[in-house]
Amino acid sequence: MKKLFAVVSLLVLAPFSFASQHTGNASCATDSTWQEVGYKAASQGEPATQFYNIVQSCDKPATAQDEAEFVQGYMSGIESFCTYDNGYALGRVQKAYPNVCPTAMADDFMQGYEVGLQKHNSVNSANYHDGFKHSRKPIHSANSKRTNHF
């Protein structure tokens, strides 16, 4: 129930302008259902307000039913996104935290994210130090002539 409230709150608070946007883009849920579109957006870490961005590119205004189906799919998708494993994967590649996980799911995601960041930093630190050790070259070789220009 808390998850539903969080997503619905995001959708209600976002600017809503369906009817005035007719850009001619036919990609608007024509090949998939609104539920599938919502699932995909959430499973990729997009905010729930992505619904409004999608609707603005539609040939026709979205209905309340379209929005309800999007939210239903989004709720399923956010459950698959907000996991320890996905947090770890994002942290490992230092991708910014999208801040889309409801509070009830954010703890697992953030634990994974922090571990992923630590792993990224430790691997990069080790690579930096290894590379630094192997790339040290003498500034002047024994055979070079040093000239003072003073």
Foldseek 3Di string as FASTA:
>chain_A
DLLLVVLVVVQVPDDDDQAVAAPPQDPQCPVHALLQVLLVCLLVLHASNVNRVSSSHHRHGDDPVSSVSSSNSNSVNVVNNLALVNLLVCLLVVHDRSPRHRPVRNVRSPVSVVVNVVVNVVVVVVVVVVVVVVPDDDPDDPPDDDDDPD
